[in-house]
Amino acid sequence: MTQLTDETPGEKEARRFFAEALGLTVTRAPASASMSADFLVNGENPGYALEVKSRLDDVRFLKELRRGCTEVRSRSLGHDRWTEDNARRAQKQLKCADPARERFWVLWFAVECFAATAAMFSQVIGTLYGVRQVVYWDEPTKMACGRECLFAVPGVFEKRPEIDGAIVTARDAITLCVNEFSERAPSFQTSRLYQAFQRLGGPVRPSDLESNHGFLSIADRMIDRSNKETVARYLSQRYGLDDVYILDIKAHSASAIVPGSRSL
């Protein structure tokens, strides 16, 4: 069995949250011939199967910083291959730990990067919900306006309804993203985990983002969402918008070590 001292910072953070903030019992999932999830969490029915994935800076990036170089990064705010790939692997690991799917399945994405941390935090959430940015013309104000659109492309949660939710952390930020495609979404919202985030300001739910935070949403997911023109036409008709364009906006950042600061 892996010792506590062998756990990654993300795994320690997840263990501490479930044990201390929720008052639950966290144990390592039993090892098996194939890869298993990290933790089984007990003390509440039905309990949780939990898999932690940590996003780190790549070795080349850190090496260049140490050499005194300025490293520039460009990241999509709406999609991240890392999140897609790790969610696919995590689903297999969760199934290995809980083959009958008796527990809630939860991912924990720990963003532990030095570069563009806030952008990567948004990127993970955007990948879960298939978010894209939308620009349209507002005739009354004679201005171009922008809003975010849920399910503009199939997101991780839509593709993987067995996953009930994902916790995303980055430095001091933490949020719970709820998968409303899960058949267990109503019962998940009565869980101790969900209620804890309710007290912290509320989990992220697509229905709430659309109703209360100005997000657009693709309700008819039978349309061809690989075609931006089709998506734009759908949004124009559904919301009465003019000159709609679907964008994949990128966040740009530059990183360097300031002389005299603590080194990486």
C-alpha atoms as a PDB file:
ATOM      1  CA  MET A   1       0.000   0.000   0.000  1.00  0.00           C
ATOM      2  CA  THR A   2       1.262   3.475  -0.849  1.00  0.00           C
ATOM      3  CA  GLN A   3       2.301   5.393   2.235  1.00  0.00           C
ATOM      4  CA  LEU A   4       0.945   8.852   2.944  1.00  0.00           C
ATOM      5  CA  THR A   5       4.419  10.321   2.520  1.00  0.00           C
ATOM      6  CA  ASP A   6       4.532   8.950  -1.059  1.00  0.00           C
ATOM      7  CA  GLU A   7       1.431  10.847  -2.133  1.00  0.00           C
ATOM      8  CA  THR A   8       1.591  13.761  -4.533  1.00  0.00           C
ATOM      9  CA  PRO A   9       0.637  17.259  -3.301  1.00  0.00           C
ATOM     10  CA  GLY A  10      -2.668  16.907  -5.163  1.00  0.00           C
ATOM     11  CA  GLU A  11      -3.431  13.569  -3.518  1.00  0.00           C
ATOM     12  CA  LYS A  12      -2.599  14.958  -0.071  1.00  0.00           C
ATOM     13  CA  GLU A  13      -4.867  17.932  -0.725  1.00  0.00           C
ATOM     14  CA  ALA A  14      -7.735  15.660  -1.799  1.00  0.00           C
ATOM     15  CA  ARG A  15      -7.289  13.338   1.178  1.00  0.00           C
ATOM     16  CA  ARG A  16      -7.220  16.267   3.587  1.00  0.00           C
ATOM     17  CA  PHE A  17     -10.335  17.856   2.092  1.00  0.00           C
ATOM     18  CA  PHE A  18     -12.478  14.726   2.311  1.00  0.00           C
ATOM     19  CA  ALA A  19     -11.156  13.797   5.758  1.00  0.00           C
ATOM     20  CA  GLU A  20     -11.093  17.206   7.444  1.00  0.00           C
ATOM     21  CA  ALA A  21     -13.645  19.349   5.596  1.00  0.00           C
ATOM     22  CA  LEU A  22     -16.194  16.561   5.133  1.00  0.00           C
ATOM     23  CA  GLY A  23     -15.352  14.338   8.101  1.00  0.00           C
ATOM     24  CA  LEU A  24     -15.143  11.197   5.973  1.00  0.00           C
ATOM     25  CA  THR A  25     -12.769   8.229   5.992  1.00  0.00           C
ATOM     26  CA  VAL A  26     -10.299   8.143   3.113  1.00  0.00           C
ATOM     27  CA  THR A  27      -8.394   4.980   2.223  1.00  0.00           C
ATOM     28  CA  ARG A  28      -6.265   3.916  -0.690  1.00  0.00           C
ATOM     29  CA  ALA A  29      -8.201   1.887  -3.245  1.00  0.00           C
ATOM     30  CA  PRO A  30      -6.984  -1.737  -3.286  1.00  0.00           C
ATOM     31  CA  ALA A  31      -4.257  -2.414  -5.815  1.00  0.00           C
ATOM     32  CA  SER A  32      -5.184  -4.622  -8.742  1.00  0.00           C
ATOM     33  CA  ALA A  33      -3.659  -6.042 -11.892  1.00  0.00           C
ATOM     34  CA  SER A  34      -4.815  -2.952 -13.783  1.00  0.00           C
ATOM     35  CA  MET A  35      -4.652   0.641 -12.639  1.00  0.00           C
ATOM     36  CA  SER A  36      -7.178   1.608  -9.992  1.00  0.00           C
ATOM     37  CA  ALA A  37      -8.479   4.940  -8.719  1.00  0.00           C
ATOM     38  CA  ASP A  38      -6.569   6.623  -5.895  1.00  0.00           C
ATOM     39  CA  PHE A  39      -9.063   6.622  -3.037  1.00  0.00           C
ATOM     40  CA  LEU A  40     -12.256   5.119  -1.671  1.00  0.00           C
ATOM     41  CA  VAL A  41     -14.123   7.471   0.641  1.00  0.00           C
ATOM     42  CA  ASN A  42     -16.504   6.098   3.276  1.00  0.00           C
ATOM     43  CA  GLY A  43     -18.649   7.472   6.087  1.00  0.00           C
ATOM     44  CA  GLU A  44     -21.570   8.511   3.898  1.00  0.00           C
ATOM     45  CA  ASN A  45     -23.878   6.448   1.732  1.00  0.00           C
ATOM     46  CA  PRO A  46     -23.031   5.613  -1.030  1.00  0.00           C
ATOM     47  CA  GLY A  47     -19.463   6.882  -0.580  1.00  0.00           C
ATOM     48  CA  TYR A  48     -17.068   8.038  -3.290  1.00  0.00           C
ATOM     49  CA  ALA A  49     -14.468   6.641  -5.648  1.00  0.00           C
ATOM     50  CA  LEU A  50     -11.908   9.402  -6.167  1.00  0.00           C
ATOM     51  CA  GLU A  51      -9.158   9.801  -8.756  1.00  0.00           C
ATOM     52  CA  VAL A  52      -6.634  12.664  -8.578  1.00  0.00           C
ATOM     53  CA  LYS A  53      -4.893  14.099 -11.639  1.00  0.00           C
ATOM     54  CA  SER A  54      -2.236  16.802 -11.241  1.00  0.00           C
ATOM     55  CA  ARG A  55      -1.311  19.253 -14.010  1.00  0.00           C
ATOM     56  CA  LEU A  56       2.366  20.224 -13.800  1.00  0.00           C
ATOM     57  CA  ASP A  57       4.612  22.454 -15.869  1.00  0.00           C
ATOM     58  CA  ASP A  58       6.546  20.541 -18.492  1.00  0.00           C
ATOM     59  CA  VAL A  59      10.228  19.877 -17.914  1.00  0.00           C
ATOM     60  CA  ARG A  60      11.382  22.005 -20.848  1.00  0.00           C
ATOM     61  CA  PHE A  61       9.441  25.023 -19.563  1.00  0.00           C
ATOM     62  CA  LEU A  62      11.064  24.792 -16.120  1.00  0.00           C
ATOM     63  CA  LYS A  63      14.498  24.208 -17.621  1.00  0.00           C
ATOM     64  CA  GLU A  64      14.214  27.340 -19.758  1.00  0.00           C
ATOM     65  CA  LEU A  65      13.098  29.423 -16.789  1.00  0.00           C
ATOM     66  CA  ARG A  66      16.087  28.272 -14.770  1.00  0.00           C
ATOM     67  CA  ARG A  67      18.337  29.309 -17.646  1.00  0.00           C
ATOM     68  CA  GLY A  68      16.951  32.834 -17.322  1.00  0.00           C
ATOM     69  CA  CYS A  69      14.733  32.706 -20.404  1.00  0.00           C
ATOM     70  CA  THR A  70      11.271  34.215 -20.680  1.00  0.00           C
ATOM     71  CA  GLU A  71       8.776  31.527 -21.623  1.00  0.00           C
ATOM     72  CA  VAL A  72       5.623  32.435 -23.539  1.00  0.00           C
ATOM     73  CA  ARG A  73       2.525  30.246 -23.489  1.00  0.00           C
ATOM     74  CA  SER A  74      -0.757  30.389 -25.399  1.00  0.00           C
ATOM     75  CA  ARG A  75      -3.651  28.363 -23.990  1.00  0.00           C
ATOM     76  CA  SER A  76      -7.211  27.867 -25.144  1.00  0.00           C
ATOM     77  CA  LEU A  77      -9.780  28.897 -22.539  1.00  0.00           C
ATOM     78  CA  GLY A  78     -12.309  26.433 -23.905  1.00  0.00           C
ATOM     79  CA  HIS A  79     -10.504  23.162 -24.521  1.00  0.00           C
ATOM     80  CA  ASP A  80      -7.591  21.207 -23.134  1.00  0.00           C
ATOM     81  CA  ARG A  81      -6.340  17.867 -24.452  1.00  0.00           C
ATOM     82  CA  TRP A  82      -4.810  17.089 -21.047  1.00  0.00           C
ATOM     83  CA  THR A  83      -8.226  17.208 -19.348  1.00  0.00           C
ATOM     84  CA  GLU A  84      -9.821  15.046 -22.057  1.00  0.00           C
ATOM     85  CA  ASP A  85      -7.099  12.403 -21.904  1.00  0.00           C
ATOM     86  CA  ASN A  86      -6.953  12.257 -18.113  1.00  0.00           C
ATOM     87  CA  ALA A  87     -10.725  12.040 -17.771  1.00  0.00           C
ATOM     88  CA  ARG A  88     -10.720   9.052 -20.132  1.00  0.00           C
ATOM     89  CA  ARG A  89      -8.016   7.327 -18.096  1.00  0.00           C
ATOM     90  CA  ALA A  90      -9.689   8.249 -14.823  1.00  0.00           C
ATOM     91  CA  GLN A  91     -12.991   6.693 -15.865  1.00  0.00           C
ATOM     92  CA  LYS A  92     -11.239   3.360 -16.409  1.00  0.00           C
ATOM     93  CA  GLN A  93      -9.510   3.677 -13.035  1.00  0.00           C
ATOM     94  CA  LEU A  94     -12.764   4.505 -11.253  1.00  0.00           C
ATOM     95  CA  LYS A  95     -14.446   1.493 -12.840  1.00  0.00           C
ATOM     96  CA  CYS A  96     -11.583  -0.702 -11.657  1.00  0.00           C
ATOM     97  CA  ALA A  97     -11.988   0.553  -8.072  1.00  0.00           C
ATOM     98  CA  ASP A  98     -15.798   0.412  -8.130  1.00  0.00           C
ATOM     99  CA  PRO A  99     -16.886  -2.009 -10.897  1.00  0.00           C
ATOM    100  CA  ALA A 100     -20.547  -2.055  -9.830  1.00  0.00           C
ATOM    101  CA  ARG A 101     -20.608   1.762  -9.710  1.00  0.00           C
ATOM    102  CA  GLU A 102     -22.037   1.709  -6.213  1.00  0.00           C
ATOM    103  CA  ARG A 103     -20.318   4.951  -5.241  1.00  0.00           C
ATOM    104  CA  PHE A 104     -20.262   8.474  -6.619  1.00  0.00           C
ATOM    105  CA  TRP A 105     -17.414   8.842  -9.111  1.00  0.00           C
ATOM    106  CA  VAL A 106     -15.445  12.049  -8.624  1.00  0.00           C
ATOM    107  CA  LEU A 107     -12.356  13.434 -10.350  1.00  0.00           C
ATOM    108  CA  TRP A 108      -9.939  15.814  -8.642  1.00  0.00           C
ATOM    109  CA  PHE A 109      -7.988  18.036 -11.052  1.00  0.00           C
ATOM    110  CA  ALA A 110      -5.118  19.800  -9.268  1.00  0.00           C
ATOM    111  CA  VAL A 111      -3.623  22.586 -11.380  1.00  0.00           C
ATOM    112  CA  GLU A 112      -0.103  22.917  -9.988  1.00  0.00           C
ATOM    113  CA  CYS A 113       1.461  24.931 -12.795  1.00  0.00           C
ATOM    114  CA  PHE A 114       3.621  27.992 -12.436  1.00  0.00           C
ATOM    115  CA  ALA A 115       2.535  29.458 -15.779  1.00  0.00           C
ATOM    116  CA  ALA A 116      -0.943  30.865 -16.506  1.00  0.00           C
ATOM    117  CA  THR A 117      -2.553  29.116 -13.536  1.00  0.00           C
ATOM    118  CA  ALA A 118      -5.860  31.003 -13.775  1.00  0.00           C
ATOM    119  CA  ALA A 119      -6.132  30.312 -17.506  1.00  0.00           C
ATOM    120  CA  MET A 120      -5.521  26.601 -16.956  1.00  0.00           C
ATOM    121  CA  PHE A 121      -8.116  26.522 -14.173  1.00  0.00           C
ATOM    122  CA  SER A 122     -10.693  27.957 -16.611  1.00  0.00           C
ATOM    123  CA  GLN A 123      -9.451  25.616 -19.319  1.00  0.00           C
ATOM    124  CA  VAL A 124     -10.199  22.512 -17.259  1.00  0.00           C
ATOM    125  CA  ILE A 125     -13.728  23.695 -16.456  1.00  0.00           C
ATOM    126  CA  GLY A 126     -14.321  24.721 -20.071  1.00  0.00           C
ATOM    127  CA  THR A 127     -13.295  21.253 -21.237  1.00  0.00           C
ATOM    128  CA  LEU A 128     -15.700  19.588 -18.819  1.00  0.00           C
ATOM    129  CA  TYR A 129     -18.648  21.568 -20.217  1.00  0.00           C
ATOM    130  CA  GLY A 130     -17.641  22.022 -23.877  1.00  0.00           C
ATOM    131  CA  VAL A 131     -17.412  25.803 -23.546  1.00  0.00           C
ATOM    132  CA  ARG A 132     -16.681  28.198 -26.409  1.00  0.00           C
ATOM    133  CA  GLN A 133     -16.801  31.975 -26.545  1.00  0.00           C
ATOM    134  CA  VAL A 134     -19.498  33.614 -28.661  1.00  0.00           C
ATOM    135  CA  VAL A 135     -19.408  37.093 -30.188  1.00  0.00           C
ATOM    136  CA  TYR A 136     -22.521  38.735 -31.616  1.00  0.00           C
ATOM    137  CA  TRP A 137     -23.770  42.161 -32.662  1.00  0.00           C
ATOM    138  CA  ASP A 138     -26.070  43.985 -30.250  1.00  0.00           C
ATOM    139  CA  GLU A 139     -28.155  46.368 -32.345  1.00  0.00           C
ATOM    140  CA  PRO A 140     -29.567  48.555 -29.488  1.00  0.00           C
ATOM    141  CA  THR A 141     -26.080  49.461 -28.228  1.00  0.00           C
ATOM    142  CA  LYS A 142     -24.379  49.233 -31.636  1.00  0.00           C
ATOM    143  CA  MET A 143     -21.651  47.154 -30.047  1.00  0.00           C
ATOM    144  CA  ALA A 144     -20.149  43.696 -30.374  1.00  0.00           C
ATOM    145  CA  CYS A 145     -20.863  41.624 -27.251  1.00  0.00           C
ATOM    146  CA  GLY A 146     -19.405  38.388 -25.947  1.00  0.00           C
ATOM    147  CA  ARG A 147     -20.835  35.534 -23.918  1.00  0.00           C
ATOM    148  CA  GLU A 148     -19.768  31.985 -23.164  1.00  0.00           C
ATOM    149  CA  CYS A 149     -21.668  29.012 -24.536  1.00  0.00           C
ATOM    150  CA  LEU A 150     -22.080  25.637 -22.853  1.00  0.00           C
ATOM    151  CA  PHE A 151     -21.951  22.443 -24.943  1.00  0.00           C
ATOM    152  CA  ALA A 152     -20.807  24.271 -28.083  1.00  0.00           C
ATOM    153  CA  VAL A 153     -18.796  21.077 -28.517  1.00  0.00           C
ATOM    154  CA  PRO A 154     -19.279  17.778 -26.648  1.00  0.00           C
ATOM    155  CA  GLY A 155     -17.511  18.166 -23.308  1.00  0.00           C
ATOM    156  CA  VAL A 156     -16.029  15.586 -20.977  1.00  0.00           C
ATOM    157  CA  PHE A 157     -19.175  15.326 -18.857  1.00  0.00           C
ATOM    158  CA  GLU A 158     -21.429  14.858 -21.864  1.00  0.00           C
ATOM    159  CA  LYS A 159     -19.185  12.082 -23.193  1.00  0.00           C
ATOM    160  CA  ARG A 160     -18.782  10.435 -19.783  1.00  0.00           C
ATOM    161  CA  PRO A 161     -22.072  10.552 -17.850  1.00  0.00           C
ATOM    162  CA  GLU A 162     -20.785   7.914 -15.409  1.00  0.00           C
ATOM    163  CA  ILE A 163     -18.610  10.595 -13.792  1.00  0.00           C
ATOM    164  CA  ASP A 164     -20.731  12.465 -11.252  1.00  0.00           C
ATOM    165  CA  GLY A 165     -18.522  15.484 -10.696  1.00  0.00           C
ATOM    166  CA  ALA A 166     -15.049  16.990 -10.680  1.00  0.00           C
ATOM    167  CA  ILE A 167     -13.254  19.144  -8.141  1.00  0.00           C
ATOM    168  CA  VAL A 168     -10.836  21.630  -9.717  1.00  0.00           C
ATOM    169  CA  THR A 169      -8.153  23.354  -7.651  1.00  0.00           C
ATOM    170  CA  ALA A 170      -5.486  25.932  -8.438  1.00  0.00           C
ATOM    171  CA  ARG A 171      -3.560  27.629  -5.641  1.00  0.00           C
ATOM    172  CA  ASP A 172      -6.294  29.059  -3.371  1.00  0.00           C
ATOM    173  CA  ALA A 173      -9.138  28.385  -5.832  1.00  0.00           C
ATOM    174  CA  ILE A 174     -11.365  25.331  -5.491  1.00  0.00           C
ATOM    175  CA  THR A 175     -14.679  24.500  -7.111  1.00  0.00           C
ATOM    176  CA  LEU A 176     -16.953  21.520  -7.660  1.00  0.00           C
ATOM    177  CA  CYS A 177     -18.255  20.971 -11.190  1.00  0.00           C
ATOM    178  CA  VAL A 178     -21.437  18.901 -11.347  1.00  0.00           C
ATOM    179  CA  ASN A 179     -22.214  16.564 -14.227  1.00  0.00           C
ATOM    180  CA  GLU A 180     -25.906  17.047 -14.937  1.00  0.00           C
ATOM    181  CA  PHE A 181     -25.694  14.323 -17.599  1.00  0.00           C
ATOM    182  CA  SER A 182     -25.225  11.762 -14.828  1.00  0.00           C
ATOM    183  CA  GLU A 183     -28.371   9.793 -14.029  1.00  0.00           C
ATOM    184  CA  ARG A 184     -27.433  10.219 -10.370  1.00  0.00           C
ATOM    185  CA  ALA A 185     -27.230  14.028 -10.490  1.00  0.00           C
ATOM    186  CA  PRO A 186     -30.313  14.506  -8.225  1.00  0.00           C
ATOM    187  CA  SER A 187     -28.928  12.221  -5.510  1.00  0.00           C
ATOM    188  CA  PHE A 188     -25.421  13.680  -5.924  1.00  0.00           C
ATOM    189  CA  GLN A 189     -26.856  17.084  -5.039  1.00  0.00           C
ATOM    190  CA  THR A 190     -27.912  15.721  -1.648  1.00  0.00           C
ATOM    191  CA  SER A 191     -24.382  14.465  -0.890  1.00  0.00           C
ATOM    192  CA  ARG A 192     -22.159  15.881   1.815  1.00  0.00           C
ATOM    193  CA  LEU A 193     -19.677  16.939  -0.872  1.00  0.00           C
ATOM    194  CA  TYR A 194     -22.247  18.958  -2.805  1.00  0.00           C
ATOM    195  CA  GLN A 195     -23.660  20.551   0.337  1.00  0.00           C
ATOM    196  CA  ALA A 196     -20.178  21.614   1.443  1.00  0.00           C
ATOM    197  CA  PHE A 197     -19.705  23.558  -1.784  1.00  0.00           C
ATOM    198  CA  GLN A 198     -23.166  25.025  -1.407  1.00  0.00           C
ATOM    199  CA  ARG A 199     -21.921  26.649   1.785  1.00  0.00           C
ATOM    200  CA  LEU A 200     -18.767  27.847   0.007  1.00  0.00           C
ATOM    201  CA  GLY A 201     -20.766  29.727  -2.605  1.00  0.00           C
ATOM    202  CA  GLY A 202     -22.226  27.016  -4.768  1.00  0.00           C
ATOM    203  CA  PRO A 203     -20.988  24.269  -7.115  1.00  0.00           C
ATOM    204  CA  VAL A 204     -20.772  24.886 -10.842  1.00  0.00           C
ATOM    205  CA  ARG A 205     -23.915  23.594 -12.576  1.00  0.00           C
ATOM    206  CA  PRO A 206     -24.768  24.198 -16.254  1.00  0.00           C
ATOM    207  CA  SER A 207     -28.427  24.916 -15.475  1.00  0.00           C
ATOM    208  CA  ASP A 208     -27.363  27.616 -12.994  1.00  0.00           C
ATOM    209  CA  LEU A 209     -24.797  29.113 -15.377  1.00  0.00           C
ATOM    210  CA  GLU A 210     -27.472  29.476 -18.051  1.00  0.00           C
ATOM    211  CA  SER A 211     -30.256  30.716 -15.762  1.00  0.00           C
ATOM    212  CA  ASN A 212     -28.297  33.091 -13.551  1.00  0.00           C
ATOM    213  CA  HIS A 213     -24.912  33.885 -15.085  1.00  0.00           C
ATOM    214  CA  GLY A 214     -25.641  34.753 -18.702  1.00  0.00           C
ATOM    215  CA  PHE A 215     -24.253  31.627 -20.366  1.00  0.00           C
ATOM    216  CA  LEU A 216     -25.671  30.510 -23.685  1.00  0.00           C
ATOM    217  CA  SER A 217     -26.291  26.799 -24.141  1.00  0.00           C
ATOM    218  CA  ILE A 218     -26.853  24.259 -26.905  1.00  0.00           C
ATOM    219  CA  ALA A 219     -30.035  22.443 -25.891  1.00  0.00           C
ATOM    220  CA  ASP A 220     -30.368  20.491 -29.154  1.00  0.00           C
ATOM    221  CA  ARG A 221     -27.251  18.363 -29.049  1.00  0.00           C
ATOM    222  CA  MET A 222     -28.245  16.495 -32.211  1.00  0.00           C
ATOM    223  CA  ILE A 223     -26.993  19.370 -34.375  1.00  0.00           C
ATOM    224  CA  ASP A 224     -23.559  19.110 -35.968  1.00  0.00           C
ATOM    225  CA  ARG A 225     -21.427  20.848 -33.375  1.00  0.00           C
ATOM    226  CA  SER A 226     -18.248  20.227 -35.335  1.00  0.00           C
ATOM    227  CA  ASN A 227     -19.520  22.907 -37.726  1.00  0.00           C
ATOM    228  CA  LYS A 228     -19.180  26.407 -36.245  1.00  0.00           C
ATOM    229  CA  GLU A 229     -21.617  27.865 -38.773  1.00  0.00           C
ATOM    230  CA  THR A 230     -24.288  25.377 -37.712  1.00  0.00           C
ATOM    231  CA  VAL A 231     -23.744  26.245 -34.054  1.00  0.00           C
ATOM    232  CA  ALA A 232     -23.817  29.974 -34.801  1.00  0.00           C
ATOM    233  CA  ARG A 233     -27.065  29.609 -36.756  1.00  0.00           C
ATOM    234  CA  TYR A 234     -28.627  27.621 -33.907  1.00  0.00           C
ATOM    235  CA  LEU A 235     -27.684  30.259 -31.318  1.00  0.00           C
ATOM    236  CA  SER A 236     -28.946  33.042 -33.555  1.00  0.00           C
ATOM    237  CA  GLN A 237     -32.338  31.362 -33.846  1.00  0.00           C
ATOM    238  CA  ARG A 238     -32.614  30.276 -30.198  1.00  0.00           C
ATOM    239  CA  TYR A 239     -31.588  33.574 -28.612  1.00  0.00           C
ATOM    240  CA  GLY A 240     -32.424  36.055 -31.373  1.00  0.00           C
ATOM    241  CA  LEU A 241     -28.816  37.134 -31.854  1.00  0.00           C
ATOM    242  CA  ASP A 242     -27.333  38.846 -34.911  1.00  0.00           C
ATOM    243  CA  ASP A 243     -24.019  38.102 -36.621  1.00  0.00           C
ATOM    244  CA  VAL A 244     -22.960  35.269 -34.330  1.00  0.00           C
ATOM    245  CA  TYR A 245     -19.401  33.942 -34.399  1.00  0.00           C
ATOM    246  CA  ILE A 246     -17.986  31.003 -32.438  1.00  0.00           C
ATOM    247  CA  LEU A 247     -14.479  31.603 -31.117  1.00  0.00           C
ATOM    248  CA  ASP A 248     -11.841  29.576 -29.314  1.00  0.00           C
ATOM    249  CA  ILE A 249     -10.176  32.390 -27.388  1.00  0.00           C
ATOM    250  CA  LYS A 250      -6.652  31.895 -26.143  1.00  0.00           C
ATOM    251  CA  ALA A 251      -4.965  33.330 -23.072  1.00  0.00           C
ATOM    252  CA  HIS A 252      -1.350  34.407 -23.530  1.00  0.00           C
ATOM    253  CA  SER A 253       1.214  34.576 -20.752  1.00  0.00           C
ATOM    254  CA  ALA A 254       4.918  35.214 -20.306  1.00  0.00           C
ATOM    255  CA  SER A 255       6.876  33.781 -17.377  1.00  0.00           C
ATOM    256  CA  ALA A 256      10.347  34.541 -16.052  1.00  0.00           C
ATOM    257  CA  ILE A 257      12.226  34.219 -12.799  1.00  0.00           C
ATOM    258  CA  VAL A 258      12.791  37.587 -11.160  1.00  0.00           C
ATOM    259  CA  PRO A 259      16.384  37.919  -9.903  1.00  0.00           C
ATOM    260  CA  GLY A 260      16.509  37.562  -6.133  1.00  0.00           C
ATOM    261  CA  SER A 261      13.220  35.615  -5.951  1.00  0.00           C
ATOM    262  CA  ARG A 262      12.922  32.061  -4.720  1.00  0.00           C
ATOM    263  CA  SER A 263      13.979  29.711  -7.508  1.00  0.00           C
ATOM    264  CA  LEU A 264      11.781  26.933  -8.855  1.00  0.00           C
END
